[in-house]
């Protein structure tokens, strides 16, 4: 599970991740019907990696990437009110890590729960997706919401193996409404 250090690869992946719709896409009933909403910290909870590997099997992928979308990793990180440098300048890698079907939970959890480099802990929004884009996850830490989305019929197959607590769409819509109000 290598951290991504190649700038061209990172920029290509980051360009894809920035195109995923935000949480407010839950207002679209068609999108909501093929999405599972959950707490963004679930990504780091026990058992989630097994779910991701199952999603890879269903989409016939062999890998996926976790990538920080915001704050913009190509801009400087702000610490104590001052811009200190880009993530790459500070840590020698980009805030993205790739996982494969050969990786294990023993590889996955320490990577996402590590503070060195703090790939997950700097993210206010993140994306997780395989090369096929047969499904993706978008998380908004500040809204305390994330979603898993896949087109039909892939969604039905993946939803059948999803065993984690989900947030009802009505609660997501309330959060989106609060976001727009203020």
C-alpha atoms as a PDB file:
ATOM      1  CA  UNK A   1       0.000   0.000   0.000  1.00  0.00           C
ATOM      2  CA  UNK A   2       2.237   2.703  -1.274  1.00  0.00           C
ATOM      3  CA  UNK A   3       1.818   6.356  -0.599  1.00  0.00           C
ATOM      4  CA  UNK A   4       1.637   8.221  -3.868  1.00  0.00           C
ATOM      5  CA  UNK A   5       4.800  10.183  -4.603  1.00  0.00           C
ATOM      6  CA  UNK A   6       4.549  10.535  -8.390  1.00  0.00           C
ATOM      7  CA  UNK A   7       3.173  14.026  -9.153  1.00  0.00           C
ATOM      8  CA  UNK A   8       1.539  13.047 -12.461  1.00  0.00           C
ATOM      9  CA  UNK A   9      -0.276  10.108 -10.892  1.00  0.00           C
ATOM     10  CA  UNK A  10      -1.392  12.202  -7.939  1.00  0.00           C
ATOM     11  CA  UNK A  11      -2.685  15.029 -10.133  1.00  0.00           C
ATOM     12  CA  UNK A  12      -4.625  12.551 -12.295  1.00  0.00           C
ATOM     13  CA  UNK A  13      -6.213  10.923  -9.221  1.00  0.00           C
ATOM     14  CA  UNK A  14      -6.866  14.279  -7.563  1.00  0.00           C
ATOM     15  CA  UNK A  15      -8.611  15.530 -10.727  1.00  0.00           C
ATOM     16  CA  UNK A  16     -10.944  12.534 -10.586  1.00  0.00           C
ATOM     17  CA  UNK A  17     -11.610  12.937  -6.850  1.00  0.00           C
ATOM     18  CA  UNK A  18     -12.516  16.616  -7.218  1.00  0.00           C
ATOM     19  CA  UNK A  19     -15.287  15.705  -9.691  1.00  0.00           C
ATOM     20  CA  UNK A  20     -17.253  13.557  -7.235  1.00  0.00           C
ATOM     21  CA  UNK A  21     -20.411  15.286  -6.070  1.00  0.00           C
ATOM     22  CA  UNK A  22     -20.553  16.621  -2.527  1.00  0.00           C
ATOM     23  CA  UNK A  23     -22.957  15.568   0.200  1.00  0.00           C
ATOM     24  CA  UNK A  24     -25.609  17.963  -1.106  1.00  0.00           C
ATOM     25  CA  UNK A  25     -26.107  15.539  -4.018  1.00  0.00           C
ATOM     26  CA  UNK A  26     -28.299  13.651  -1.510  1.00  0.00           C
ATOM     27  CA  UNK A  27     -31.046  16.079  -2.556  1.00  0.00           C
ATOM     28  CA  UNK A  28     -31.245  14.198  -5.877  1.00  0.00           C
ATOM     29  CA  UNK A  29     -33.612  11.256  -5.197  1.00  0.00           C
ATOM     30  CA  UNK A  30     -32.064   9.131  -7.974  1.00  0.00           C
ATOM     31  CA  UNK A  31     -28.580   9.617  -6.502  1.00  0.00           C
ATOM     32  CA  UNK A  32     -29.857   8.984  -2.974  1.00  0.00           C
ATOM     33  CA  UNK A  33     -31.366   5.633  -4.026  1.00  0.00           C
ATOM     34  CA  UNK A  34     -27.959   4.346  -5.080  1.00  0.00           C
ATOM     35  CA  UNK A  35     -26.034   5.736  -2.109  1.00  0.00           C
ATOM     36  CA  UNK A  36     -25.399   4.634   1.453  1.00  0.00           C
ATOM     37  CA  UNK A  37     -24.801   7.485   3.908  1.00  0.00           C
ATOM     38  CA  UNK A  38     -22.642   6.957   6.980  1.00  0.00           C
ATOM     39  CA  UNK A  39     -20.260   8.547   9.476  1.00  0.00           C
ATOM     40  CA  UNK A  40     -16.985   9.485   7.704  1.00  0.00           C
ATOM     41  CA  UNK A  41     -14.960   7.891  10.518  1.00  0.00           C
ATOM     42  CA  UNK A  42     -16.429   4.495   9.598  1.00  0.00           C
ATOM     43  CA  UNK A  43     -13.712   4.295   6.972  1.00  0.00           C
ATOM     44  CA  UNK A  44     -11.226   3.714   9.793  1.00  0.00           C
ATOM     45  CA  UNK A  45     -13.391   1.311  11.791  1.00  0.00           C
ATOM     46  CA  UNK A  46     -12.782  -2.411  12.073  1.00  0.00           C
ATOM     47  CA  UNK A  47     -14.445  -4.395   9.335  1.00  0.00           C
ATOM     48  CA  UNK A  48     -14.634  -1.574   6.800  1.00  0.00           C
ATOM     49  CA  UNK A  49     -11.594  -2.820   4.896  1.00  0.00           C
ATOM     50  CA  UNK A  50     -13.302  -6.192   4.398  1.00  0.00           C
ATOM     51  CA  UNK A  51     -16.285  -4.323   2.967  1.00  0.00           C
ATOM     52  CA  UNK A  52     -13.997  -2.382   0.603  1.00  0.00           C
ATOM     53  CA  UNK A  53     -12.363  -5.608  -0.581  1.00  0.00           C
ATOM     54  CA  UNK A  54     -15.808  -7.068  -1.247  1.00  0.00           C
ATOM     55  CA  UNK A  55     -16.733  -3.929  -3.217  1.00  0.00           C
ATOM     56  CA  UNK A  56     -13.533  -4.434  -5.255  1.00  0.00           C
ATOM     57  CA  UNK A  57     -14.572  -7.992  -6.007  1.00  0.00           C
ATOM     58  CA  UNK A  58     -18.014  -6.880  -7.159  1.00  0.00           C
ATOM     59  CA  UNK A  59     -16.602  -4.127  -9.386  1.00  0.00           C
ATOM     60  CA  UNK A  60     -13.836  -6.458 -10.665  1.00  0.00           C
ATOM     61  CA  UNK A  61     -11.089  -4.099  -9.483  1.00  0.00           C
ATOM     62  CA  UNK A  62      -7.844  -5.041  -7.775  1.00  0.00           C
ATOM     63  CA  UNK A  63      -7.093  -1.729  -6.067  1.00  0.00           C
ATOM     64  CA  UNK A  64      -8.501   1.485  -4.677  1.00  0.00           C
ATOM     65  CA  UNK A  65      -7.082   4.812  -3.575  1.00  0.00           C
ATOM     66  CA  UNK A  66      -7.788   7.016  -0.563  1.00  0.00           C
ATOM     67  CA  UNK A  67      -7.128  10.686  -1.348  1.00  0.00           C
ATOM     68  CA  UNK A  68      -7.554  13.967   0.483  1.00  0.00           C
ATOM     69  CA  UNK A  69      -9.715  16.347  -1.560  1.00  0.00           C
ATOM     70  CA  UNK A  70      -9.813  19.324   0.829  1.00  0.00           C
ATOM     71  CA  UNK A  71      -7.848  21.154   1.969  1.00  0.00           C
ATOM     72  CA  UNK A  72      -6.329  21.393  -1.496  1.00  0.00           C
ATOM     73  CA  UNK A  73      -3.136  19.343  -1.158  1.00  0.00           C
ATOM     74  CA  UNK A  74      -1.448  21.306  -3.926  1.00  0.00           C
ATOM     75  CA  UNK A  75      -1.747  24.504  -1.918  1.00  0.00           C
ATOM     76  CA  UNK A  76       0.113  25.107   1.310  1.00  0.00           C
ATOM     77  CA  UNK A  77      -1.069  23.656   4.605  1.00  0.00           C
ATOM     78  CA  UNK A  78      -2.048  26.294   7.133  1.00  0.00           C
ATOM     79  CA  UNK A  79      -0.707  25.834  10.665  1.00  0.00           C
ATOM     80  CA  UNK A  80      -1.189  28.407  13.396  1.00  0.00           C
ATOM     81  CA  UNK A  81      -2.564  30.813  10.793  1.00  0.00           C
ATOM     82  CA  UNK A  82       0.453  30.569   8.469  1.00  0.00           C
ATOM     83  CA  UNK A  83       0.910  28.683   5.206  1.00  0.00           C
ATOM     84  CA  UNK A  84       3.746  26.208   5.811  1.00  0.00           C
ATOM     85  CA  UNK A  85       4.123  24.406   2.481  1.00  0.00           C
ATOM     86  CA  UNK A  86       2.343  21.760   0.489  1.00  0.00           C
ATOM     87  CA  UNK A  87       1.705  18.314   1.893  1.00  0.00           C
ATOM     88  CA  UNK A  88       4.399  16.958  -0.416  1.00  0.00           C
ATOM     89  CA  UNK A  89       6.938  19.556   0.736  1.00  0.00           C
ATOM     90  CA  UNK A  90       6.246  18.727   4.376  1.00  0.00           C
ATOM     91  CA  UNK A  91       6.001  14.915   4.170  1.00  0.00           C
ATOM     92  CA  UNK A  92       7.658  13.826   0.905  1.00  0.00           C
ATOM     93  CA  UNK A  93       4.452  12.212  -0.317  1.00  0.00           C
ATOM     94  CA  UNK A  94       0.990  13.276  -1.436  1.00  0.00           C
ATOM     95  CA  UNK A  95      -2.068  12.807   0.806  1.00  0.00           C
ATOM     96  CA  UNK A  96      -3.094   9.707  -1.083  1.00  0.00           C
ATOM     97  CA  UNK A  97      -2.463   6.036  -0.558  1.00  0.00           C
ATOM     98  CA  UNK A  98      -3.273   3.058  -2.728  1.00  0.00           C
ATOM     99  CA  UNK A  99      -4.475  -0.316  -1.466  1.00  0.00           C
ATOM    100  CA  UNK A 100      -4.768  -3.604  -3.340  1.00  0.00           C
ATOM    101  CA  UNK A 101      -6.631  -6.841  -2.855  1.00  0.00           C
ATOM    102  CA  UNK A 102      -3.351  -8.289  -1.521  1.00  0.00           C
ATOM    103  CA  UNK A 103      -3.322  -5.816   1.382  1.00  0.00           C
ATOM    104  CA  UNK A 104      -4.764  -6.875   4.721  1.00  0.00           C
ATOM    105  CA  UNK A 105      -6.477  -5.134   7.589  1.00  0.00           C
ATOM    106  CA  UNK A 106      -3.042  -5.146   9.240  1.00  0.00           C
ATOM    107  CA  UNK A 107      -1.846  -2.921   6.392  1.00  0.00           C
ATOM    108  CA  UNK A 108      -4.953  -0.776   6.072  1.00  0.00           C
ATOM    109  CA  UNK A 109      -5.777   0.397   9.597  1.00  0.00           C
ATOM    110  CA  UNK A 110      -2.283   1.455  10.684  1.00  0.00           C
ATOM    111  CA  UNK A 111      -1.934   3.446   7.459  1.00  0.00           C
ATOM    112  CA  UNK A 112      -5.213   5.331   7.872  1.00  0.00           C
ATOM    113  CA  UNK A 113      -4.807   5.770  11.618  1.00  0.00           C
ATOM    114  CA  UNK A 114      -1.192   6.962  11.451  1.00  0.00           C
ATOM    115  CA  UNK A 115      -0.168  10.525  12.146  1.00  0.00           C
ATOM    116  CA  UNK A 116       2.974  10.161  10.049  1.00  0.00           C
ATOM    117  CA  UNK A 117       2.214  11.281   7.424  1.00  0.00           C
ATOM    118  CA  UNK A 118      -1.232  12.420   8.586  1.00  0.00           C
ATOM    119  CA  UNK A 119      -3.057  11.489   5.368  1.00  0.00           C
ATOM    120  CA  UNK A 120      -6.482  11.057   6.956  1.00  0.00           C
ATOM    121  CA  UNK A 121      -6.130  13.599   9.724  1.00  0.00           C
ATOM    122  CA  UNK A 122      -5.564  16.582   7.443  1.00  0.00           C
ATOM    123  CA  UNK A 123      -8.624  15.824   5.300  1.00  0.00           C
ATOM    124  CA  UNK A 124     -11.793  17.838   5.654  1.00  0.00           C
ATOM    125  CA  UNK A 125     -13.097  15.985   2.589  1.00  0.00           C
ATOM    126  CA  UNK A 126     -11.791  12.765   1.082  1.00  0.00           C
ATOM    127  CA  UNK A 127     -12.548  10.313  -1.702  1.00  0.00           C
ATOM    128  CA  UNK A 128     -12.027   6.572  -2.048  1.00  0.00           C
ATOM    129  CA  UNK A 129     -12.383   4.873  -5.422  1.00  0.00           C
ATOM    130  CA  UNK A 130     -11.099   2.044  -7.647  1.00  0.00           C
ATOM    131  CA  UNK A 131      -9.667   2.494 -11.165  1.00  0.00           C
ATOM    132  CA  UNK A 132     -12.951   1.480 -12.834  1.00  0.00           C
ATOM    133  CA  UNK A 133     -14.906   4.140 -10.903  1.00  0.00           C
ATOM    134  CA  UNK A 134     -17.506   1.396 -10.495  1.00  0.00           C
ATOM    135  CA  UNK A 135     -18.165   2.868  -7.033  1.00  0.00           C
ATOM    136  CA  UNK A 136     -16.806   5.634  -4.868  1.00  0.00           C
ATOM    137  CA  UNK A 137     -16.898   7.071  -1.384  1.00  0.00           C
ATOM    138  CA  UNK A 138     -16.946  10.763  -0.612  1.00  0.00           C
ATOM    139  CA  UNK A 139     -16.584  11.941   2.962  1.00  0.00           C
ATOM    140  CA  UNK A 140     -17.072  15.372   4.475  1.00  0.00           C
ATOM    141  CA  UNK A 141     -15.542  15.399   7.948  1.00  0.00           C
ATOM    142  CA  UNK A 142     -16.854  18.854   8.830  1.00  0.00           C
ATOM    143  CA  UNK A 143     -20.447  17.841   7.996  1.00  0.00           C
ATOM    144  CA  UNK A 144     -19.832  14.482   9.725  1.00  0.00           C
ATOM    145  CA  UNK A 145     -21.260  12.680   6.691  1.00  0.00           C
ATOM    146  CA  UNK A 146     -19.982  10.365   3.995  1.00  0.00           C
ATOM    147  CA  UNK A 147     -21.598   8.387   1.241  1.00  0.00           C
ATOM    148  CA  UNK A 148     -20.870   5.268  -0.739  1.00  0.00           C
ATOM    149  CA  UNK A 149     -22.250   5.475  -4.278  1.00  0.00           C
ATOM    150  CA  UNK A 150     -22.405   3.016  -7.155  1.00  0.00           C
ATOM    151  CA  UNK A 151     -24.565   2.860 -10.260  1.00  0.00           C
ATOM    152  CA  UNK A 152     -27.286   0.202 -10.522  1.00  0.00           C
ATOM    153  CA  UNK A 153     -27.032  -2.837 -10.512  1.00  0.00           C
ATOM    154  CA  UNK A 154     -23.597  -2.705  -8.846  1.00  0.00           C
ATOM    155  CA  UNK A 155     -25.149  -0.757  -5.973  1.00  0.00           C
ATOM    156  CA  UNK A 156     -27.640  -3.543  -5.203  1.00  0.00           C
ATOM    157  CA  UNK A 157     -24.871  -6.144  -5.001  1.00  0.00           C
ATOM    158  CA  UNK A 158     -22.670  -3.968  -2.813  1.00  0.00           C
ATOM    159  CA  UNK A 159     -25.523  -2.810  -0.570  1.00  0.00           C
ATOM    160  CA  UNK A 160     -26.227  -6.471   0.186  1.00  0.00           C
ATOM    161  CA  UNK A 161     -22.793  -6.820   1.835  1.00  0.00           C
ATOM    162  CA  UNK A 162     -22.807  -3.438   3.648  1.00  0.00           C
ATOM    163  CA  UNK A 163     -23.090  -4.202   7.374  1.00  0.00           C
ATOM    164  CA  UNK A 164     -22.304  -0.864   9.003  1.00  0.00           C
ATOM    165  CA  UNK A 165     -24.644   1.648  10.547  1.00  0.00           C
ATOM    166  CA  UNK A 166     -26.020   3.975   7.919  1.00  0.00           C
ATOM    167  CA  UNK A 167     -27.588   7.405   8.243  1.00  0.00           C
ATOM    168  CA  UNK A 168     -31.117   7.729   6.834  1.00  0.00           C
ATOM    169  CA  UNK A 169     -31.400  10.018   3.823  1.00  0.00           C
ATOM    170  CA  UNK A 170     -33.829  12.249   5.751  1.00  0.00           C
ATOM    171  CA  UNK A 171     -31.091  13.064   8.305  1.00  0.00           C
ATOM    172  CA  UNK A 172     -28.622  13.740   5.494  1.00  0.00           C
ATOM    173  CA  UNK A 173     -31.102  16.130   3.865  1.00  0.00           C
ATOM    174  CA  UNK A 174     -31.525  17.954   7.187  1.00  0.00           C
ATOM    175  CA  UNK A 175     -27.744  18.363   7.441  1.00  0.00           C
ATOM    176  CA  UNK A 176     -27.596  19.657   3.867  1.00  0.00           C
ATOM    177  CA  UNK A 177     -30.418  22.077   4.626  1.00  0.00           C
ATOM    178  CA  UNK A 178     -28.496  23.386   7.668  1.00  0.00           C
ATOM    179  CA  UNK A 179     -25.410  23.744   5.484  1.00  0.00           C
ATOM    180  CA  UNK A 180     -27.304  25.903   2.975  1.00  0.00           C
ATOM    181  CA  UNK A 181     -28.894  27.993   5.733  1.00  0.00           C
ATOM    182  CA  UNK A 182     -25.791  28.942   7.420  1.00  0.00           C
END
